[in-house]
Amino acid sequence: MKLVIQRVTTAKVDVDGKTVGKIDKGFMVLVGITHNDTKETADFLAKKLCNLRVFEDEFGKMNLALKDVGGSLLLISQFTLYADCNGGNRPAFIDAARPEIAEPLYDYFCNKCKENGITVEKGIFGADMKVSLLNDGPVTIIMEK
C-alpha cells in the first residue's frame, strides 16, 4: 500500500460535476493498493497516517497531528501510484491490485481512519475524479508498507 499525503488548507473531489468529498485543514491522500496488501497493512498505515505529526506547533515546528489541529482526511483511490514506467512510454499497471481486491481494502482503510477519530471524506472508487487542493507548505510525504 502506498500513500501520497499532501497537507492542505482545503481540498475537494468532484465526480460528474458534483462535489462528493470536501475538507478544510488536513490531508488529501492518494491511496494505492497492490497485490500483497492486507488488512494488517491498512491497519498499520491508518494508524501512522492519523498520528503523522506535520502540522506546526506554537514554536513553528512540525509537531502536531490531525487530531491536535482538528484536521480531516480526503482519501482518494489511485491505482496509478503503482504504474511501472520502466518499459516503453505507456505505463504498465500490473502491480496495482485488481478492483475486486482493491476496493474492499480501500473501504477498510477509510473505516480504520475513522476509527482513529478522524473525519474522513473520500472519492468514488474507480470513478473519473477531479481533485483540487491548496497544498499547505507545500508538505508532501510518501508513505509505503
N, C-alpha and C. Protein backbone atom coordinates (compact mmCIF):
# COMPACT_ATOMS: atom_id res chain seq x y z
N MET A 1 0.86 -1.17 0.00
CA MET A 1 0.00 0.00 0.00
C MET A 1 0.90 1.23 0.00
N LYS A 2 0.53 2.18 -0.83
CA LYS A 2 1.31 3.40 -0.97
C LYS A 2 0.39 4.59 -0.78
N LEU A 3 0.83 5.55 0.04
CA LEU A 3 0.08 6.77 0.28
C LEU A 3 0.91 7.97 -0.15
N VAL A 4 0.29 8.87 -0.88
CA VAL A 4 0.90 10.17 -1.16
C VAL A 4 0.06 11.17 -0.39
N ILE A 5 0.69 11.76 0.62
CA ILE A 5 0.00 12.60 1.60
C ILE A 5 0.35 14.06 1.33
N GLN A 6 -0.65 14.89 1.15
CA GLN A 6 -0.42 16.31 0.98
C GLN A 6 -1.16 17.06 2.07
N ARG A 7 -0.40 17.87 2.83
CA ARG A 7 -1.01 18.72 3.84
C ARG A 7 -1.70 19.86 3.11
N VAL A 8 -2.99 20.07 3.41
CA VAL A 8 -3.78 21.05 2.66
C VAL A 8 -4.51 22.00 3.59
N THR A 9 -4.85 23.16 3.04
CA THR A 9 -5.75 24.07 3.75
C THR A 9 -7.18 23.82 3.30
N THR A 10 -7.32 23.28 2.09
CA THR A 10 -8.62 22.86 1.57
C THR A 10 -8.40 21.88 0.42
N ALA A 11 -9.34 20.97 0.26
CA ALA A 11 -9.29 20.01 -0.85
C ALA A 11 -10.69 19.49 -1.12
N LYS A 12 -10.93 19.14 -2.39
CA LYS A 12 -12.23 18.57 -2.73
C LYS A 12 -12.07 17.64 -3.92
N VAL A 13 -13.04 16.76 -4.08
CA VAL A 13 -13.07 15.86 -5.22
C VAL A 13 -14.46 15.92 -5.84
N ASP A 14 -14.48 16.09 -7.17
CA ASP A 14 -15.73 16.15 -7.92
C ASP A 14 -15.83 14.95 -8.84
N VAL A 15 -17.04 14.44 -9.00
CA VAL A 15 -17.35 13.38 -9.96
C VAL A 15 -18.57 13.84 -10.74
N ASP A 16 -18.46 13.86 -12.05
CA ASP A 16 -19.56 14.30 -12.93
C ASP A 16 -20.08 15.68 -12.55
N GLY A 17 -19.15 16.58 -12.19
CA GLY A 17 -19.52 17.96 -11.87
C GLY A 17 -20.11 18.15 -10.48
N LYS A 18 -20.16 17.10 -9.67
CA LYS A 18 -20.73 17.19 -8.32
C LYS A 18 -19.64 16.90 -7.28
N THR A 19 -19.56 17.74 -6.26
CA THR A 19 -18.58 17.54 -5.19
C THR A 19 -19.04 16.36 -4.33
N VAL A 20 -18.17 15.34 -4.23
CA VAL A 20 -18.50 14.14 -3.45
C VAL A 20 -17.71 14.06 -2.15
N GLY A 21 -16.67 14.87 -2.03
CA GLY A 21 -15.88 14.91 -0.81
C GLY A 21 -15.16 16.24 -0.72
N LYS A 22 -15.14 16.82 0.50
CA LYS A 22 -14.51 18.13 0.68
C LYS A 22 -14.03 18.26 2.11
N ILE A 23 -12.81 18.79 2.27
CA ILE A 23 -12.28 19.06 3.61
C ILE A 23 -11.64 20.44 3.64
N ASP A 24 -11.47 20.94 4.84
CA ASP A 24 -10.64 22.12 5.03
C ASP A 24 -9.28 21.61 5.49
N LYS A 25 -8.74 22.12 6.55
CA LYS A 25 -7.40 21.74 7.02
C LYS A 25 -7.28 20.24 7.22
N GLY A 26 -6.20 19.68 6.69
CA GLY A 26 -5.98 18.26 6.87
C GLY A 26 -5.05 17.69 5.82
N PHE A 27 -5.32 16.44 5.44
CA PHE A 27 -4.52 15.75 4.43
C PHE A 27 -5.40 15.30 3.28
N MET A 28 -4.95 15.55 2.06
CA MET A 28 -5.50 14.91 0.88
C MET A 28 -4.54 13.77 0.60
N VAL A 29 -5.07 12.55 0.55
CA VAL A 29 -4.21 11.37 0.44
C VAL A 29 -4.63 10.54 -0.77
N LEU A 30 -3.65 10.28 -1.65
CA LEU A 30 -3.85 9.34 -2.74
C LEU A 30 -3.47 7.97 -2.19
N VAL A 31 -4.36 6.99 -2.38
CA VAL A 31 -4.19 5.65 -1.79
C VAL A 31 -4.05 4.63 -2.92
N GLY A 32 -2.86 4.01 -3.00
CA GLY A 32 -2.62 2.97 -3.98
C GLY A 32 -2.53 1.61 -3.30
N ILE A 33 -3.12 0.61 -3.90
CA ILE A 33 -3.15 -0.73 -3.30
C ILE A 33 -2.55 -1.72 -4.29
N THR A 34 -1.66 -2.56 -3.78
CA THR A 34 -1.02 -3.58 -4.61
C THR A 34 -1.47 -4.97 -4.16
N HIS A 35 -1.01 -6.00 -4.87
CA HIS A 35 -1.49 -7.36 -4.68
C HIS A 35 -1.30 -7.95 -3.28
N ASN A 36 -0.18 -7.65 -2.66
CA ASN A 36 0.10 -8.30 -1.38
C ASN A 36 -0.35 -7.47 -0.17
N ASP A 37 -1.12 -6.43 -0.37
CA ASP A 37 -1.63 -5.64 0.76
C ASP A 37 -2.72 -6.41 1.49
N THR A 38 -2.76 -6.21 2.80
CA THR A 38 -3.70 -6.92 3.66
C THR A 38 -4.37 -5.92 4.61
N LYS A 39 -5.30 -6.42 5.39
CA LYS A 39 -5.92 -5.58 6.43
C LYS A 39 -4.87 -5.12 7.44
N GLU A 40 -3.88 -5.96 7.70
CA GLU A 40 -2.81 -5.58 8.62
C GLU A 40 -2.00 -4.41 8.06
N THR A 41 -1.76 -4.42 6.75
CA THR A 41 -1.09 -3.29 6.10
C THR A 41 -1.92 -2.02 6.27
N ALA A 42 -3.21 -2.13 6.02
CA ALA A 42 -4.12 -0.98 6.14
C ALA A 42 -4.17 -0.48 7.58
N ASP A 43 -4.22 -1.41 8.55
CA ASP A 43 -4.23 -1.02 9.96
C ASP A 43 -3.00 -0.20 10.31
N PHE A 44 -1.84 -0.70 9.90
CA PHE A 44 -0.57 -0.04 10.20
C PHE A 44 -0.53 1.36 9.61
N LEU A 45 -0.88 1.48 8.32
CA LEU A 45 -0.79 2.78 7.66
C LEU A 45 -1.87 3.75 8.13
N ALA A 46 -3.04 3.25 8.48
CA ALA A 46 -4.09 4.14 9.01
C ALA A 46 -3.64 4.77 10.32
N LYS A 47 -3.06 3.96 11.18
CA LYS A 47 -2.57 4.48 12.47
C LYS A 47 -1.44 5.48 12.24
N LYS A 48 -0.52 5.14 11.36
CA LYS A 48 0.61 6.01 11.04
C LYS A 48 0.13 7.34 10.47
N LEU A 49 -0.79 7.27 9.52
CA LEU A 49 -1.32 8.47 8.88
C LEU A 49 -2.03 9.37 9.88
N CYS A 50 -2.89 8.80 10.68
CA CYS A 50 -3.69 9.59 11.62
C CYS A 50 -2.84 10.22 12.73
N ASN A 51 -1.66 9.68 12.96
CA ASN A 51 -0.78 10.21 14.00
C ASN A 51 0.43 10.94 13.44
N LEU A 52 0.48 11.14 12.13
CA LEU A 52 1.60 11.82 11.48
C LEU A 52 1.65 13.28 11.95
N ARG A 53 2.77 13.66 12.52
CA ARG A 53 2.92 15.00 13.11
C ARG A 53 3.64 15.94 12.15
N VAL A 54 2.87 16.60 11.30
CA VAL A 54 3.46 17.54 10.34
C VAL A 54 2.76 18.91 10.33
N PHE A 55 1.95 19.15 11.35
CA PHE A 55 1.35 20.47 11.50
C PHE A 55 2.17 21.24 12.53
N GLU A 56 2.29 22.54 12.31
CA GLU A 56 3.16 23.35 13.16
C GLU A 56 2.55 23.62 14.52
N ASP A 57 3.41 23.55 15.55
CA ASP A 57 3.02 23.91 16.91
C ASP A 57 3.26 25.40 17.12
N GLU A 58 3.13 25.86 18.36
CA GLU A 58 3.27 27.30 18.64
C GLU A 58 4.69 27.81 18.42
N PHE A 59 5.66 26.89 18.27
CA PHE A 59 7.04 27.28 18.03
C PHE A 59 7.43 27.15 16.55
N GLY A 60 6.46 26.83 15.70
CA GLY A 60 6.72 26.71 14.28
C GLY A 60 7.34 25.38 13.87
N LYS A 61 7.36 24.41 14.78
CA LYS A 61 7.91 23.09 14.47
C LYS A 61 6.78 22.14 14.05
N MET A 62 7.07 21.28 13.08
CA MET A 62 6.08 20.28 12.68
C MET A 62 6.01 19.23 13.78
N ASN A 63 5.01 19.39 14.65
CA ASN A 63 4.94 18.58 15.85
C ASN A 63 3.52 18.14 16.20
N LEU A 64 2.53 18.55 15.39
CA LEU A 64 1.14 18.26 15.72
C LEU A 64 0.51 17.33 14.67
N ALA A 65 -0.40 16.48 15.14
CA ALA A 65 -1.11 15.53 14.28
C ALA A 65 -2.49 16.07 13.93
N LEU A 66 -3.20 15.33 13.08
CA LEU A 66 -4.54 15.74 12.65
C LEU A 66 -5.46 16.06 13.82
N LYS A 67 -5.50 15.16 14.81
CA LYS A 67 -6.39 15.37 15.96
C LYS A 67 -6.06 16.65 16.70
N ASP A 68 -4.76 16.97 16.77
CA ASP A 68 -4.33 18.16 17.51
C ASP A 68 -4.81 19.45 16.87
N VAL A 69 -5.01 19.43 15.55
CA VAL A 69 -5.39 20.65 14.83
C VAL A 69 -6.82 20.59 14.31
N GLY A 70 -7.57 19.55 14.67
CA GLY A 70 -8.94 19.39 14.18
C GLY A 70 -9.00 19.14 12.68
N GLY A 71 -7.98 18.46 12.17
CA GLY A 71 -7.89 18.21 10.74
C GLY A 71 -8.72 17.02 10.27
N SER A 72 -8.91 16.95 8.96
CA SER A 72 -9.69 15.88 8.33
C SER A 72 -8.87 15.21 7.25
N LEU A 73 -9.41 14.13 6.70
CA LEU A 73 -8.79 13.40 5.61
C LEU A 73 -9.70 13.39 4.39
N LEU A 74 -9.10 13.57 3.22
CA LEU A 74 -9.77 13.31 1.96
C LEU A 74 -8.98 12.19 1.31
N LEU A 75 -9.56 10.99 1.25
CA LEU A 75 -8.88 9.79 0.77
C LEU A 75 -9.36 9.46 -0.65
N ILE A 76 -8.41 9.38 -1.58
CA ILE A 76 -8.71 9.17 -3.00
C ILE A 76 -8.02 7.89 -3.47
N SER A 77 -8.79 6.93 -3.97
CA SER A 77 -8.19 5.71 -4.52
C SER A 77 -7.41 6.07 -5.79
N GLN A 78 -6.21 5.48 -5.94
CA GLN A 78 -5.33 5.91 -7.03
C GLN A 78 -4.46 4.74 -7.49
N PHE A 79 -4.98 3.91 -8.39
CA PHE A 79 -4.23 2.75 -8.85
C PHE A 79 -2.96 3.14 -9.60
N THR A 80 -2.92 4.34 -10.17
CA THR A 80 -1.75 4.75 -10.95
C THR A 80 -0.50 4.96 -10.10
N LEU A 81 -0.63 4.94 -8.78
CA LEU A 81 0.56 5.01 -7.93
C LEU A 81 1.46 3.79 -8.14
N TYR A 82 0.89 2.73 -8.67
CA TYR A 82 1.68 1.52 -8.94
C TYR A 82 2.01 1.38 -10.43
N ALA A 83 2.10 2.48 -11.14
CA ALA A 83 2.50 2.46 -12.54
C ALA A 83 3.96 2.03 -12.67
N ASP A 84 4.23 1.17 -13.63
CA ASP A 84 5.59 0.76 -13.95
C ASP A 84 5.96 1.42 -15.27
N CYS A 85 6.91 2.34 -15.23
CA CYS A 85 7.30 3.10 -16.41
C CYS A 85 8.68 2.67 -16.93
N ASN A 86 9.13 1.50 -16.56
CA ASN A 86 10.46 1.04 -16.95
C ASN A 86 10.51 0.52 -18.38
N GLY A 87 9.39 0.15 -18.95
CA GLY A 87 9.36 -0.37 -20.32
C GLY A 87 9.31 0.76 -21.32
N GLY A 88 8.28 0.78 -22.11
CA GLY A 88 8.12 1.82 -23.13
C GLY A 88 7.58 3.11 -22.53
N ASN A 89 6.85 3.83 -23.34
CA ASN A 89 6.30 5.11 -22.90
C ASN A 89 4.90 4.99 -22.32
N ARG A 90 4.31 3.82 -22.41
CA ARG A 90 2.99 3.59 -21.84
C ARG A 90 3.16 2.82 -20.54
N PRO A 91 2.73 3.39 -19.40
CA PRO A 91 2.91 2.69 -18.12
C PRO A 91 2.14 1.37 -18.07
N ALA A 92 2.70 0.43 -17.35
CA ALA A 92 2.01 -0.83 -17.05
C ALA A 92 1.49 -0.74 -15.62
N PHE A 93 0.33 -1.31 -15.38
CA PHE A 93 -0.29 -1.22 -14.06
C PHE A 93 -0.45 -2.59 -13.42
N ILE A 94 0.42 -3.53 -13.77
CA ILE A 94 0.29 -4.90 -13.28
C ILE A 94 0.54 -5.01 -11.78
N ASP A 95 1.21 -4.01 -11.18
CA ASP A 95 1.44 -4.05 -9.73
C ASP A 95 0.26 -3.52 -8.93
N ALA A 96 -0.69 -2.89 -9.60
CA ALA A 96 -1.89 -2.40 -8.91
C ALA A 96 -2.85 -3.57 -8.71
N ALA A 97 -3.44 -3.64 -7.52
CA ALA A 97 -4.41 -4.70 -7.24
C ALA A 97 -5.65 -4.53 -8.11
N ARG A 98 -6.24 -5.64 -8.50
CA ARG A 98 -7.48 -5.63 -9.27
C ARG A 98 -8.59 -4.97 -8.42
N PRO A 99 -9.57 -4.36 -9.07
CA PRO A 99 -10.63 -3.66 -8.33
C PRO A 99 -11.35 -4.53 -7.29
N GLU A 100 -11.57 -5.80 -7.60
CA GLU A 100 -12.29 -6.66 -6.64
C GLU A 100 -11.49 -6.89 -5.36
N ILE A 101 -10.18 -6.68 -5.40
CA ILE A 101 -9.33 -6.77 -4.20
C ILE A 101 -9.14 -5.38 -3.60
N ALA A 102 -8.86 -4.40 -4.47
CA ALA A 102 -8.51 -3.06 -4.00
C ALA A 102 -9.67 -2.31 -3.36
N GLU A 103 -10.86 -2.40 -3.94
CA GLU A 103 -11.98 -1.60 -3.42
C GLU A 103 -12.34 -1.97 -1.98
N PRO A 104 -12.49 -3.26 -1.63
CA PRO A 104 -12.79 -3.57 -0.23
C PRO A 104 -11.68 -3.14 0.73
N LEU A 105 -10.43 -3.22 0.28
CA LEU A 105 -9.32 -2.82 1.15
C LEU A 105 -9.27 -1.30 1.29
N TYR A 106 -9.58 -0.58 0.23
CA TYR A 106 -9.68 0.88 0.29
C TYR A 106 -10.78 1.29 1.27
N ASP A 107 -11.95 0.66 1.19
CA ASP A 107 -13.05 0.96 2.12
C ASP A 107 -12.65 0.63 3.55
N TYR A 108 -11.97 -0.49 3.73
CA TYR A 108 -11.50 -0.89 5.05
C TYR A 108 -10.54 0.17 5.61
N PHE A 109 -9.60 0.62 4.77
CA PHE A 109 -8.64 1.64 5.18
C PHE A 109 -9.36 2.93 5.60
N CYS A 110 -10.34 3.36 4.81
CA CYS A 110 -11.12 4.56 5.15
C CYS A 110 -11.80 4.41 6.50
N ASN A 111 -12.39 3.24 6.75
CA ASN A 111 -13.06 2.99 8.03
C ASN A 111 -12.08 2.95 9.18
N LYS A 112 -10.88 2.42 8.95
CA LYS A 112 -9.87 2.39 10.01
C LYS A 112 -9.45 3.81 10.39
N CYS A 113 -9.35 4.68 9.41
CA CYS A 113 -9.01 6.07 9.70
C CYS A 113 -10.11 6.73 10.53
N LYS A 114 -11.37 6.42 10.21
CA LYS A 114 -12.50 6.94 11.00
C LYS A 114 -12.42 6.42 12.43
N GLU A 115 -12.06 5.14 12.58
CA GLU A 115 -11.94 4.55 13.92
C GLU A 115 -10.84 5.21 14.74
N ASN A 116 -9.89 5.87 14.08
CA ASN A 116 -8.84 6.61 14.77
C ASN A 116 -9.32 8.00 15.20
N GLY A 117 -10.61 8.27 15.00
CA GLY A 117 -11.20 9.53 15.46
C GLY A 117 -11.04 10.69 14.49
N ILE A 118 -10.81 10.38 13.22
CA ILE A 118 -10.61 11.43 12.22
C ILE A 118 -11.83 11.50 11.30
N THR A 119 -12.23 12.73 10.96
CA THR A 119 -13.28 12.91 9.96
C THR A 119 -12.71 12.54 8.60
N VAL A 120 -13.42 11.67 7.88
CA VAL A 120 -12.94 11.16 6.59
C VAL A 120 -13.96 11.47 5.50
N GLU A 121 -13.47 12.07 4.44
CA GLU A 121 -14.21 12.24 3.19
C GLU A 121 -13.47 11.40 2.16
N LYS A 122 -14.16 11.00 1.10
CA LYS A 122 -13.47 10.20 0.09
C LYS A 122 -14.07 10.41 -1.28
N GLY A 123 -13.32 9.94 -2.27
CA GLY A 123 -13.80 9.96 -3.64
C GLY A 123 -14.65 8.73 -3.89
N ILE A 124 -14.92 8.46 -5.16
CA ILE A 124 -15.68 7.28 -5.55
C ILE A 124 -14.73 6.34 -6.27
N PHE A 125 -14.58 5.15 -5.74
CA PHE A 125 -13.63 4.18 -6.26
C PHE A 125 -13.91 3.93 -7.75
N GLY A 126 -12.87 4.03 -8.56
CA GLY A 126 -12.97 3.73 -9.98
C GLY A 126 -13.58 4.82 -10.84
N ALA A 127 -14.03 5.90 -10.22
CA ALA A 127 -14.66 6.99 -10.99
C ALA A 127 -13.59 7.90 -11.60
N ASP A 128 -14.00 8.66 -12.60
CA ASP A 128 -13.16 9.72 -13.15
C ASP A 128 -13.33 10.92 -12.23
N MET A 129 -12.33 11.15 -11.39
CA MET A 129 -12.42 12.17 -10.35
C MET A 129 -11.58 13.39 -10.71
N LYS A 130 -12.08 14.54 -10.33
CA LYS A 130 -11.35 15.80 -10.47
C LYS A 130 -11.03 16.27 -9.05
N VAL A 131 -9.74 16.25 -8.71
CA VAL A 131 -9.30 16.61 -7.37
C VAL A 131 -8.65 17.98 -7.42
N SER A 132 -9.07 18.85 -6.51
CA SER A 132 -8.43 20.16 -6.40
C SER A 132 -8.05 20.38 -4.95
N LEU A 133 -6.92 21.06 -4.76
CA LEU A 133 -6.44 21.27 -3.40
C LEU A 133 -5.55 22.49 -3.34
N LEU A 134 -5.39 23.00 -2.13
CA LEU A 134 -4.42 24.05 -1.86
C LEU A 134 -3.41 23.43 -0.91
N ASN A 135 -2.25 23.05 -1.47
CA ASN A 135 -1.20 22.39 -0.69
C ASN A 135 -0.63 23.41 0.29
N ASP A 136 -0.51 23.03 1.54
CA ASP A 136 -0.05 23.90 2.62
C ASP A 136 1.41 23.61 2.91
N GLY A 137 2.27 24.52 2.58
CA GLY A 137 3.69 24.36 2.88
C GLY A 137 4.58 24.67 1.70
N PRO A 138 4.65 23.90 0.68
CA PRO A 138 3.96 22.62 0.49
C PRO A 138 4.60 21.51 1.33
N VAL A 139 3.74 20.63 1.81
CA VAL A 139 4.19 19.43 2.52
C VAL A 139 3.59 18.24 1.78
N THR A 140 4.45 17.40 1.23
CA THR A 140 4.02 16.18 0.55
C THR A 140 4.91 15.04 1.03
N ILE A 141 4.30 13.98 1.50
CA ILE A 141 5.03 12.84 2.07
C ILE A 141 4.52 11.55 1.42
N ILE A 142 5.45 10.67 1.08
CA ILE A 142 5.08 9.35 0.55
C ILE A 142 5.31 8.33 1.65
N MET A 143 4.29 7.55 1.93
CA MET A 143 4.35 6.52 2.96
C MET A 143 4.00 5.19 2.32
N GLU A 144 4.78 4.16 2.60
CA GLU A 144 4.54 2.86 1.96
C GLU A 144 4.89 1.75 2.93
N LYS A 145 4.12 0.66 2.83
CA LYS A 145 4.42 -0.53 3.61
C LYS A 145 4.15 -1.73 2.74
